[in-house]
Amino acid sequence: MKALHRVIIEPHITESTTRNMVDPRTGAYQYAFKVAMDANKQEIREAIESRFGVEVDSVRTIIVRGKIKRVRLIPGKKPNWKKAYVKLIPGQRISEFEGI
């Protein structure tokens, strides 16, 4: 098992993730994180629960494909990365994201 502090790279905060942070039906909070490519859902769940002290309801992951960019005449590609949507149990929230 990999060290839990290497699983979470950084939070992924955009307009759409902050707009969809609270589920209107259940009131549960959902956060997006950039995670290691080789991390599985169980490792992500354990890392979030130990780092922030909350209970995770579900974890969904997606691999975001890197865009093809061009610098003058030389084409290049951004690296692929993995995003995890972490849904918490209703009534739980991460206090570090309160001002967002």
PDB file of N, CA and C in Angstrom:
ATOM      1  N   MET A   1       0.837  -1.186   0.000  1.00  0.00           N
ATOM      2  CA  MET A   1       0.000   0.000   0.000  1.00  0.00           C
ATOM      3  C   MET A   1       0.878   1.245   0.000  1.00  0.00           C
ATOM      4  N   LYS A   2       0.466   2.212  -0.745  1.00  0.00           N
ATOM      5  CA  LYS A   2       1.243   3.436  -0.889  1.00  0.00           C
ATOM      6  C   LYS A   2       0.941   4.391   0.258  1.00  0.00           C
ATOM      7  N   ALA A   3       1.892   5.268   0.538  1.00  0.00           N
ATOM      8  CA  ALA A   3       1.717   6.245   1.614  1.00  0.00           C
ATOM      9  C   ALA A   3       0.534   7.157   1.286  1.00  0.00           C
ATOM     10  N   LEU A   4      -0.320   7.379   2.275  1.00  0.00           N
ATOM     11  CA  LEU A   4      -1.550   8.122   2.033  1.00  0.00           C
ATOM     12  C   LEU A   4      -1.309   9.585   1.679  1.00  0.00           C
ATOM     13  N   HIS A   5      -0.191  10.158   2.142  1.00  0.00           N
ATOM     14  CA  HIS A   5       0.054  11.561   1.818  1.00  0.00           C
ATOM     15  C   HIS A   5       0.504  11.740   0.371  1.00  0.00           C
ATOM     16  N   ARG A   6       0.808  10.658  -0.338  1.00  0.00           N
ATOM     17  CA  ARG A   6       1.173  10.749  -1.753  1.00  0.00           C
ATOM     18  C   ARG A   6      -0.014  10.514  -2.681  1.00  0.00           C
ATOM     19  N   VAL A   7      -1.165  10.177  -2.132  1.00  0.00           N
ATOM     20  CA  VAL A   7      -2.350   9.906  -2.946  1.00  0.00           C
ATOM     21  C   VAL A   7      -2.987  11.206  -3.412  1.00  0.00           C
ATOM     22  N   ILE A   8      -3.224  12.142  -2.501  1.00  0.00           N
ATOM     23  CA  ILE A   8      -3.859  13.419  -2.836  1.00  0.00           C
ATOM     24  C   ILE A   8      -2.785  14.399  -3.274  1.00  0.00           C
ATOM     25  N   ILE A   9      -2.898  14.902  -4.492  1.00  0.00           N
ATOM     26  CA  ILE A   9      -1.917  15.870  -4.987  1.00  0.00           C
ATOM     27  C   ILE A   9      -2.354  17.288  -4.631  1.00  0.00           C
ATOM     28  N   GLU A  10      -3.589  17.652  -5.006  1.00  0.00           N
ATOM     29  CA  GLU A  10      -4.105  18.979  -4.699  1.00  0.00           C
ATOM     30  C   GLU A  10      -5.616  18.994  -4.917  1.00  0.00           C
ATOM     31  N   PRO A  11      -6.323  19.930  -4.283  1.00  0.00           N
ATOM     32  CA  PRO A  11      -7.748  20.073  -4.578  1.00  0.00           C
ATOM     33  C   PRO A  11      -7.925  20.683  -5.963  1.00  0.00           C
ATOM     34  N   HIS A  12      -8.972  20.297  -6.625  1.00  0.00           N
ATOM     35  CA  HIS A  12      -9.268  20.828  -7.959  1.00  0.00           C
ATOM     36  C   HIS A  12     -10.469  21.761  -7.824  1.00  0.00           C
ATOM     37  N   ILE A  13     -10.197  23.065  -7.777  1.00  0.00           N
ATOM     38  CA  ILE A  13     -11.237  24.057  -7.525  1.00  0.00           C
ATOM     39  C   ILE A  13     -11.474  24.857  -8.805  1.00  0.00           C
ATOM     40  N   THR A  14     -12.670  24.696  -9.358  1.00  0.00           N
ATOM     41  CA  THR A  14     -13.087  25.446 -10.535  1.00  0.00           C
ATOM     42  C   THR A  14     -14.499  25.970 -10.286  1.00  0.00           C
ATOM     43  N   GLU A  15     -15.027  26.726 -11.242  1.00  0.00           N
ATOM     44  CA  GLU A  15     -16.392  27.232 -11.093  1.00  0.00           C
ATOM     45  C   GLU A  15     -17.390  26.092 -11.028  1.00  0.00           C
ATOM     46  N   SER A  16     -17.203  25.074 -11.860  1.00  0.00           N
ATOM     47  CA  SER A  16     -18.184  23.995 -11.880  1.00  0.00           C
ATOM     48  C   SER A  16     -18.098  23.127 -10.629  1.00  0.00           C
ATOM     49  N   THR A  17     -16.907  22.913 -10.072  1.00  0.00           N
ATOM     50  CA  THR A  17     -16.820  22.102  -8.852  1.00  0.00           C
ATOM     51  C   THR A  17     -17.394  22.846  -7.650  1.00  0.00           C
ATOM     52  N   THR A  18     -17.245  24.171  -7.601  1.00  0.00           N
ATOM     53  CA  THR A  18     -17.827  24.915  -6.486  1.00  0.00           C
ATOM     54  C   THR A  18     -19.341  25.044  -6.645  1.00  0.00           C
ATOM     55  N   ARG A  19     -19.829  25.105  -7.892  1.00  0.00           N
ATOM     56  CA  ARG A  19     -21.268  25.174  -8.129  1.00  0.00           C
ATOM     57  C   ARG A  19     -21.944  23.862  -7.739  1.00  0.00           C
ATOM     58  N   ASN A  20     -21.269  22.747  -7.971  1.00  0.00           N
ATOM     59  CA  ASN A  20     -21.833  21.431  -7.684  1.00  0.00           C
ATOM     60  C   ASN A  20     -21.352  20.868  -6.349  1.00  0.00           C
ATOM     61  N   MET A  21     -20.876  21.724  -5.458  1.00  0.00           N
ATOM     62  CA  MET A  21     -20.316  21.256  -4.194  1.00  0.00           C
ATOM     63  C   MET A  21     -21.376  20.675  -3.263  1.00  0.00           C
ATOM     64  N   VAL A  22     -22.591  21.205  -3.276  1.00  0.00           N
ATOM     65  CA  VAL A  22     -23.650  20.728  -2.386  1.00  0.00           C
ATOM     66  C   VAL A  22     -24.747  20.072  -3.217  1.00  0.00           C
ATOM     67  N   ASP A  23     -25.098  18.846  -2.871  1.00  0.00           N
ATOM     68  CA  ASP A  23     -26.189  18.141  -3.535  1.00  0.00           C
ATOM     69  C   ASP A  23     -27.507  18.707  -3.020  1.00  0.00           C
ATOM     70  N   PRO A  24     -28.355  19.282  -3.883  1.00  0.00           N
ATOM     71  CA  PRO A  24     -29.583  19.918  -3.387  1.00  0.00           C
ATOM     72  C   PRO A  24     -30.591  18.933  -2.797  1.00  0.00           C
ATOM     73  N   ARG A  25     -30.554  17.678  -3.219  1.00  0.00           N
ATOM     74  CA  ARG A  25     -31.522  16.703  -2.710  1.00  0.00           C
ATOM     75  C   ARG A  25     -31.179  16.216  -1.309  1.00  0.00           C
ATOM     76  N   THR A  26     -29.890  15.897  -1.084  1.00  0.00           N
ATOM     77  CA  THR A  26     -29.503  15.305   0.200  1.00  0.00           C
ATOM     78  C   THR A  26     -28.746  16.260   1.106  1.00  0.00           C
ATOM     79  N   GLY A  27     -28.175  17.326   0.563  1.00  0.00           N
ATOM     80  CA  GLY A  27     -27.385  18.250   1.363  1.00  0.00           C
ATOM     81  C   GLY A  27     -25.967  17.766   1.601  1.00  0.00           C
ATOM     82  N   ALA A  28     -25.555  16.710   0.893  1.00  0.00           N
ATOM     83  CA  ALA A  28     -24.199  16.169   1.051  1.00  0.00           C
ATOM     84  C   ALA A  28     -23.212  17.005   0.244  1.00  0.00           C
ATOM     85  N   TYR A  29     -22.012  17.137   0.769  1.00  0.00           N
ATOM     86  CA  TYR A  29     -20.966  17.898   0.099  1.00  0.00           C
ATOM     87  C   TYR A  29     -20.133  16.983  -0.767  1.00  0.00           C
ATOM     88  N   GLN A  30     -19.702  17.511  -1.931  1.00  0.00           N
ATOM     89  CA  GLN A  30     -18.861  16.770  -2.853  1.00  0.00           C
ATOM     90  C   GLN A  30     -17.662  17.641  -3.218  1.00  0.00           C
ATOM     91  N   TYR A  31     -16.466  17.075  -3.163  1.00  0.00           N
ATOM     92  CA  TYR A  31     -15.245  17.807  -3.453  1.00  0.00           C
ATOM     93  C   TYR A  31     -14.479  17.097  -4.559  1.00  0.00           C
ATOM     94  N   ALA A  32     -13.695  17.861  -5.320  1.00  0.00           N
ATOM     95  CA  ALA A  32     -12.889  17.305  -6.401  1.00  0.00           C
ATOM     96  C   ALA A  32     -11.411  17.458  -6.034  1.00  0.00           C
ATOM     97  N   PHE A  33     -10.644  16.405  -6.279  1.00  0.00           N
ATOM     98  CA  PHE A  33      -9.219  16.403  -5.975  1.00  0.00           C
ATOM     99  C   PHE A  33      -8.442  15.854  -7.154  1.00  0.00           C
ATOM    100  N   LYS A  34      -7.236  16.386  -7.343  1.00  0.00           N
ATOM    101  CA  LYS A  34      -6.292  15.816  -8.282  1.00  0.00           C
ATOM    102  C   LYS A  34      -5.511  14.761  -7.507  1.00  0.00           C
ATOM    103  N   VAL A  35      -5.510  13.512  -7.988  1.00  0.00           N
ATOM    104  CA  VAL A  35      -4.905  12.408  -7.249  1.00  0.00           C
ATOM    105  C   VAL A  35      -3.850  11.724  -8.111  1.00  0.00           C
ATOM    106  N   ALA A  36      -3.074  10.845  -7.491  1.00  0.00           N
ATOM    107  CA  ALA A  36      -2.041  10.099  -8.200  1.00  0.00           C
ATOM    108  C   ALA A  36      -2.677   9.166  -9.219  1.00  0.00           C
ATOM    109  N   MET A  37      -2.018   8.971 -10.349  1.00  0.00           N
ATOM    110  CA  MET A  37      -2.568   8.148 -11.422  1.00  0.00           C
ATOM    111  C   MET A  37      -2.756   6.695 -11.005  1.00  0.00           C
ATOM    112  N   ASP A  38      -1.901   6.187 -10.125  1.00  0.00           N
ATOM    113  CA  ASP A  38      -1.999   4.778  -9.753  1.00  0.00           C
ATOM    114  C   ASP A  38      -2.810   4.560  -8.470  1.00  0.00           C
ATOM    115  N   ALA A  39      -3.489   5.584  -7.977  1.00  0.00           N
ATOM    116  CA  ALA A  39      -4.298   5.454  -6.756  1.00  0.00           C
ATOM    117  C   ALA A  39      -5.651   4.847  -7.101  1.00  0.00           C
ATOM    118  N   ASN A  40      -6.115   3.921  -6.257  1.00  0.00           N
ATOM    119  CA  ASN A  40      -7.446   3.353  -6.466  1.00  0.00           C
ATOM    120  C   ASN A  40      -8.438   4.029  -5.515  1.00  0.00           C
ATOM    121  N   LYS A  41      -9.719   3.664  -5.634  1.00  0.00           N
ATOM    122  CA  LYS A  41     -10.767   4.336  -4.868  1.00  0.00           C
ATOM    123  C   LYS A  41     -10.617   4.118  -3.362  1.00  0.00           C
ATOM    124  N   GLN A  42     -10.200   2.931  -2.962  1.00  0.00           N
ATOM    125  CA  GLN A  42     -10.035   2.644  -1.538  1.00  0.00           C
ATOM    126  C   GLN A  42      -8.907   3.489  -0.936  1.00  0.00           C
ATOM    127  N   GLU A  43      -7.802   3.635  -1.653  1.00  0.00           N
ATOM    128  CA  GLU A  43      -6.700   4.469  -1.165  1.00  0.00           C
ATOM    129  C   GLU A  43      -7.119   5.936  -1.076  1.00  0.00           C
ATOM    130  N   ILE A  44      -7.894   6.407  -2.044  1.00  0.00           N
ATOM    131  CA  ILE A  44      -8.370   7.785  -2.024  1.00  0.00           C
ATOM    132  C   ILE A  44      -9.291   7.999  -0.835  1.00  0.00           C
ATOM    133  N   ARG A  45     -10.193   7.051  -0.582  1.00  0.00           N
ATOM    134  CA  ARG A  45     -11.110   7.136   0.562  1.00  0.00           C
ATOM    135  C   ARG A  45     -10.333   7.212   1.872  1.00  0.00           C
ATOM    136  N   GLU A  46      -9.349   6.336   2.069  1.00  0.00           N
ATOM    137  CA  GLU A  46      -8.568   6.325   3.306  1.00  0.00           C
ATOM    138  C   GLU A  46      -7.763   7.610   3.471  1.00  0.00           C
ATOM    139  N   ALA A  47      -7.220   8.129   2.364  1.00  0.00           N
ATOM    140  CA  ALA A  47      -6.419   9.352   2.440  1.00  0.00           C
ATOM    141  C   ALA A  47      -7.285  10.549   2.835  1.00  0.00           C
ATOM    142  N   ILE A  48      -8.481  10.660   2.267  1.00  0.00           N
ATOM    143  CA  ILE A  48      -9.373  11.778   2.589  1.00  0.00           C
ATOM    144  C   ILE A  48      -9.847  11.678   4.033  1.00  0.00           C
ATOM    145  N   GLU A  49     -10.234  10.480   4.453  1.00  0.00           N
ATOM    146  CA  GLU A  49     -10.729  10.306   5.823  1.00  0.00           C
ATOM    147  C   GLU A  49      -9.646  10.590   6.856  1.00  0.00           C
ATOM    148  N   SER A  50      -8.413  10.170   6.603  1.00  0.00           N
ATOM    149  CA  SER A  50      -7.355  10.405   7.586  1.00  0.00           C
ATOM    150  C   SER A  50      -6.855  11.846   7.535  1.00  0.00           C
ATOM    151  N   ARG A  51      -6.822  12.465   6.366  1.00  0.00           N
ATOM    152  CA  ARG A  51      -6.285  13.826   6.229  1.00  0.00           C
ATOM    153  C   ARG A  51      -7.243  14.874   6.782  1.00  0.00           C
ATOM    154  N   PHE A  52      -8.560  14.738   6.477  1.00  0.00           N
ATOM    155  CA  PHE A  52      -9.520  15.769   6.850  1.00  0.00           C
ATOM    156  C   PHE A  52     -10.422  15.370   8.006  1.00  0.00           C
ATOM    157  N   GLY A  53     -10.405  14.120   8.438  1.00  0.00           N
ATOM    158  CA  GLY A  53     -11.217  13.683   9.568  1.00  0.00           C
ATOM    159  C   GLY A  53     -12.708  13.657   9.273  1.00  0.00           C
ATOM    160  N   VAL A  54     -13.099  13.229   8.077  1.00  0.00           N
ATOM    161  CA  VAL A  54     -14.499  13.145   7.683  1.00  0.00           C
ATOM    162  C   VAL A  54     -14.801  11.715   7.236  1.00  0.00           C
ATOM    163  N   GLU A  55     -16.092  11.416   7.069  1.00  0.00           N
ATOM    164  CA  GLU A  55     -16.503  10.108   6.577  1.00  0.00           C
ATOM    165  C   GLU A  55     -16.926  10.234   5.121  1.00  0.00           C
ATOM    166  N   VAL A  56     -16.354   9.398   4.262  1.00  0.00           N
ATOM    167  CA  VAL A  56     -16.605   9.451   2.829  1.00  0.00           C
ATOM    168  C   VAL A  56     -17.740   8.490   2.479  1.00  0.00           C
ATOM    169  N   ASP A  57     -18.699   8.975   1.693  1.00  0.00           N
ATOM    170  CA  ASP A  57     -19.806   8.143   1.232  1.00  0.00           C
ATOM    171  C   ASP A  57     -19.429   7.400  -0.043  1.00  0.00           C
ATOM    172  N   SER A  58     -18.910   8.124  -1.054  1.00  0.00           N
ATOM    173  CA  SER A  58     -18.542   7.479  -2.314  1.00  0.00           C
ATOM    174  C   SER A  58     -17.390   8.228  -2.967  1.00  0.00           C
ATOM    175  N   VAL A  59     -16.679   7.512  -3.840  1.00  0.00           N
ATOM    176  CA  VAL A  59     -15.566   8.082  -4.600  1.00  0.00           C
ATOM    177  C   VAL A  59     -15.765   7.716  -6.061  1.00  0.00           C
ATOM    178  N   ARG A  60     -15.712   8.716  -6.935  1.00  0.00           N
ATOM    179  CA  ARG A  60     -15.761   8.481  -8.375  1.00  0.00           C
ATOM    180  C   ARG A  60     -14.480   9.042  -8.976  1.00  0.00           C
ATOM    181  N   THR A  61     -13.885   8.322  -9.906  1.00  0.00           N
ATOM    182  CA  THR A  61     -12.636   8.769 -10.511  1.00  0.00           C
ATOM    183  C   THR A  61     -12.791   8.886 -12.019  1.00  0.00           C
ATOM    184  N   ILE A  62     -11.956   9.741 -12.596  1.00  0.00           N
ATOM    185  CA  ILE A  62     -11.933   9.933 -14.036  1.00  0.00           C
ATOM    186  C   ILE A  62     -10.505  10.282 -14.427  1.00  0.00           C
ATOM    187  N   ILE A  63     -10.066   9.787 -15.568  1.00  0.00           N
ATOM    188  CA  ILE A  63      -8.756  10.163 -16.090  1.00  0.00           C
ATOM    189  C   ILE A  63      -8.972  11.268 -17.115  1.00  0.00           C
ATOM    190  N   VAL A  64      -8.392  12.422 -16.849  1.00  0.00           N
ATOM    191  CA  VAL A  64      -8.515  13.577 -17.730  1.00  0.00           C
ATOM    192  C   VAL A  64      -7.369  13.503 -18.728  1.00  0.00           C
ATOM    193  N   ARG A  65      -7.709  13.426 -19.981  1.00  0.00           N
ATOM    194  CA  ARG A  65      -6.696  13.323 -21.036  1.00  0.00           C
ATOM    195  C   ARG A  65      -6.044  14.674 -21.269  1.00  0.00           C
ATOM    196  N   GLY A  66      -4.720  14.667 -21.451  1.00  0.00           N
ATOM    197  CA  GLY A  66      -3.982  15.900 -21.676  1.00  0.00           C
ATOM    198  C   GLY A  66      -4.256  16.482 -23.051  1.00  0.00           C
ATOM    199  N   LYS A  67      -4.313  17.794 -23.115  1.00  0.00           N
ATOM    200  CA  LYS A  67      -4.587  18.463 -24.378  1.00  0.00           C
ATOM    201  C   LYS A  67      -3.342  18.501 -25.248  1.00  0.00           C
ATOM    202  N   ILE A  68      -3.556  18.536 -26.545  1.00  0.00           N
ATOM    203  CA  ILE A  68      -2.455  18.695 -27.487  1.00  0.00           C
ATOM    204  C   ILE A  68      -2.233  20.185 -27.672  1.00  0.00           C
ATOM    205  N   LYS A  69      -1.022  20.632 -27.397  1.00  0.00           N
ATOM    206  CA  LYS A  69      -0.661  22.041 -27.506  1.00  0.00           C
ATOM    207  C   LYS A  69       0.424  22.184 -28.561  1.00  0.00           C
ATOM    208  N   ARG A  70       0.649  23.429 -28.992  1.00  0.00           N
ATOM    209  CA  ARG A  70       1.661  23.674 -29.990  1.00  0.00           C
ATOM    210  C   ARG A  70       2.459  24.905 -29.594  1.00  0.00           C
ATOM    211  N   VAL A  71       3.770  24.795 -29.649  1.00  0.00           N
ATOM    212  CA  VAL A  71       4.653  25.928 -29.442  1.00  0.00           C
ATOM    213  C   VAL A  71       5.349  26.185 -30.772  1.00  0.00           C
ATOM    214  N   ARG A  72       4.987  27.242 -31.388  1.00  0.00           N
ATOM    215  CA  ARG A  72       5.407  27.571 -32.754  1.00  0.00           C
ATOM    216  C   ARG A  72       5.041  26.423 -33.685  1.00  0.00           C
ATOM    217  N   LEU A  73       6.008  25.711 -34.216  1.00  0.00           N
ATOM    218  CA  LEU A  73       5.701  24.629 -35.151  1.00  0.00           C
ATOM    219  C   LEU A  73       5.797  23.251 -34.519  1.00  0.00           C
ATOM    220  N   ILE A  74       6.189  23.187 -33.259  1.00  0.00           N
ATOM    221  CA  ILE A  74       6.427  21.898 -32.613  1.00  0.00           C
ATOM    222  C   ILE A  74       5.202  21.509 -31.788  1.00  0.00           C
ATOM    223  N   PRO A  75       4.505  20.435 -32.169  1.00  0.00           N
ATOM    224  CA  PRO A  75       3.359  20.004 -31.363  1.00  0.00           C
ATOM    225  C   PRO A  75       3.821  19.262 -30.117  1.00  0.00           C
ATOM    226  N   GLY A  76       3.047  19.383 -29.064  1.00  0.00           N
ATOM    227  CA  GLY A  76       3.348  18.702 -27.815  1.00  0.00           C
ATOM    228  C   GLY A  76       2.060  18.293 -27.137  1.00  0.00           C
ATOM    229  N   LYS A  77       2.164  17.603 -26.017  1.00  0.00           N
ATOM    230  CA  LYS A  77       0.970  17.120 -25.318  1.00  0.00           C
ATOM    231  C   LYS A  77       1.155  17.310 -23.827  1.00  0.00           C
ATOM    232  N   LYS A  78       0.111  17.825 -23.171  1.00  0.00           N
ATOM    233  CA  LYS A  78       0.093  17.935 -21.711  1.00  0.00           C
ATOM    234  C   LYS A  78      -0.088  16.524 -21.145  1.00  0.00           C
ATOM    235  N   PRO A  79       0.404  16.271 -19.947  1.00  0.00           N
ATOM    236  CA  PRO A  79       0.258  14.919 -19.391  1.00  0.00           C
ATOM    237  C   PRO A  79      -1.177  14.630 -18.949  1.00  0.00           C
ATOM    238  N   ASN A  80      -1.529  13.341 -18.963  1.00  0.00           N
ATOM    239  CA  ASN A  80      -2.819  12.910 -18.431  1.00  0.00           C
ATOM    240  C   ASN A  80      -2.772  13.009 -16.909  1.00  0.00           C
ATOM    241  N   TRP A  81      -3.951  13.191 -16.267  1.00  0.00           N
ATOM    242  CA  TRP A  81      -4.016  13.230 -14.817  1.00  0.00           C
ATOM    243  C   TRP A  81      -5.346  12.658 -14.357  1.00  0.00           C
ATOM    244  N   LYS A  82      -5.396  12.289 -13.099  1.00  0.00           N
ATOM    245  CA  LYS A  82      -6.574  11.628 -12.549  1.00  0.00           C
ATOM    246  C   LYS A  82      -7.298  12.551 -11.590  1.00  0.00           C
ATOM    247  N   LYS A  83      -8.642  12.631 -11.743  1.00  0.00           N
ATOM    248  CA  LYS A  83      -9.473  13.464 -10.889  1.00  0.00           C
ATOM    249  C   LYS A  83     -10.405  12.553 -10.108  1.00  0.00           C
ATOM    250  N   ALA A  84     -10.611  12.873  -8.828  1.00  0.00           N
ATOM    251  CA  ALA A  84     -11.508  12.093  -7.974  1.00  0.00           C
ATOM    252  C   ALA A  84     -12.571  13.014  -7.404  1.00  0.00           C
ATOM    253  N   TYR A  85     -13.831  12.603  -7.551  1.00  0.00           N
ATOM    254  CA  TYR A  85     -14.953  13.288  -6.918  1.00  0.00           C
ATOM    255  C   TYR A  85     -15.282  12.523  -5.640  1.00  0.00           C
ATOM    256  N   VAL A  86     -15.162  13.190  -4.509  1.00  0.00           N
ATOM    257  CA  VAL A  86     -15.367  12.562  -3.203  1.00  0.00           C
ATOM    258  C   VAL A  86     -16.650  13.126  -2.604  1.00  0.00           C
ATOM    259  N   LYS A  87     -17.625  12.257  -2.371  1.00  0.00           N
ATOM    260  CA  LYS A  87     -18.895  12.666  -1.768  1.00  0.00           C
ATOM    261  C   LYS A  87     -18.890  12.251  -0.311  1.00  0.00           C
ATOM    262  N   LEU A  88     -19.191  13.206   0.573  1.00  0.00           N
ATOM    263  CA  LEU A  88     -19.191  12.949   2.006  1.00  0.00           C
ATOM    264  C   LEU A  88     -20.589  12.557   2.479  1.00  0.00           C
ATOM    265  N   ILE A  89     -20.637  11.971   3.655  1.00  0.00           N
ATOM    266  CA  ILE A  89     -21.912  11.632   4.277  1.00  0.00           C
ATOM    267  C   ILE A  89     -22.628  12.937   4.621  1.00  0.00           C
ATOM    268  N   PRO A  90     -23.965  13.015   4.450  1.00  0.00           N
ATOM    269  CA  PRO A  90     -24.682  14.268   4.760  1.00  0.00           C
ATOM    270  C   PRO A  90     -24.410  14.747   6.182  1.00  0.00           C
ATOM    271  N   GLY A  91     -24.174  16.048   6.300  1.00  0.00           N
ATOM    272  CA  GLY A  91     -23.852  16.647   7.593  1.00  0.00           C
ATOM    273  C   GLY A  91     -22.361  16.832   7.805  1.00  0.00           C
ATOM    274  N   GLN A  92     -21.534  16.221   6.978  1.00  0.00           N
ATOM    275  CA  GLN A  92     -20.087  16.363   7.075  1.00  0.00           C
ATOM    276  C   GLN A  92     -19.606  17.364   6.037  1.00  0.00           C
ATOM    277  N   ARG A  93     -18.580  18.112   6.380  1.00  0.00           N
ATOM    278  CA  ARG A  93     -17.952  19.023   5.426  1.00  0.00           C
ATOM    279  C   ARG A  93     -16.505  19.221   5.814  1.00  0.00           C
ATOM    280  N   ILE A  94     -15.701  19.627   4.859  1.00  0.00           N
ATOM    281  CA  ILE A  94     -14.283  19.894   5.098  1.00  0.00           C
ATOM    282  C   ILE A  94     -14.139  21.373   5.411  1.00  0.00           C
ATOM    283  N   SER A  95     -13.617  21.673   6.583  1.00  0.00           N
ATOM    284  CA  SER A  95     -13.568  23.057   7.052  1.00  0.00           C
ATOM    285  C   SER A  95     -12.577  23.917   6.255  1.00  0.00           C
ATOM    286  N   GLU A  96     -11.600  23.305   5.623  1.00  0.00           N
ATOM    287  CA  GLU A  96     -10.612  24.077   4.853  1.00  0.00           C
ATOM    288  C   GLU A  96     -11.212  24.674   3.587  1.00  0.00           C
ATOM    289  N   PHE A  97     -12.375  24.201   3.156  1.00  0.00           N
ATOM    290  CA  PHE A  97     -13.030  24.700   1.947  1.00  0.00           C
ATOM    291  C   PHE A  97     -14.205  25.613   2.270  1.00  0.00           C
ATOM    292  N   GLU A  98     -14.308  26.120   3.478  1.00  0.00           N
ATOM    293  CA  GLU A  98     -15.460  26.914   3.897  1.00  0.00           C
ATOM    294  C   GLU A  98     -15.567  28.242   3.157  1.00  0.00           C
ATOM    295  N   GLY A  99     -14.480  28.910   2.862  1.00  0.00           N
ATOM    296  CA  GLY A  99     -14.532  30.235   2.250  1.00  0.00           C
ATOM    297  C   GLY A  99     -14.708  30.206   0.739  1.00  0.00           C
ATOM    298  N   ILE A 100     -14.836  29.041   0.171  1.00  0.00           N
ATOM    299  CA  ILE A 100     -14.902  28.937  -1.289  1.00  0.00           C
ATOM    300  C   ILE A 100     -16.332  29.033  -1.751  1.00  0.00           C
TER     301      ILE A 100
END
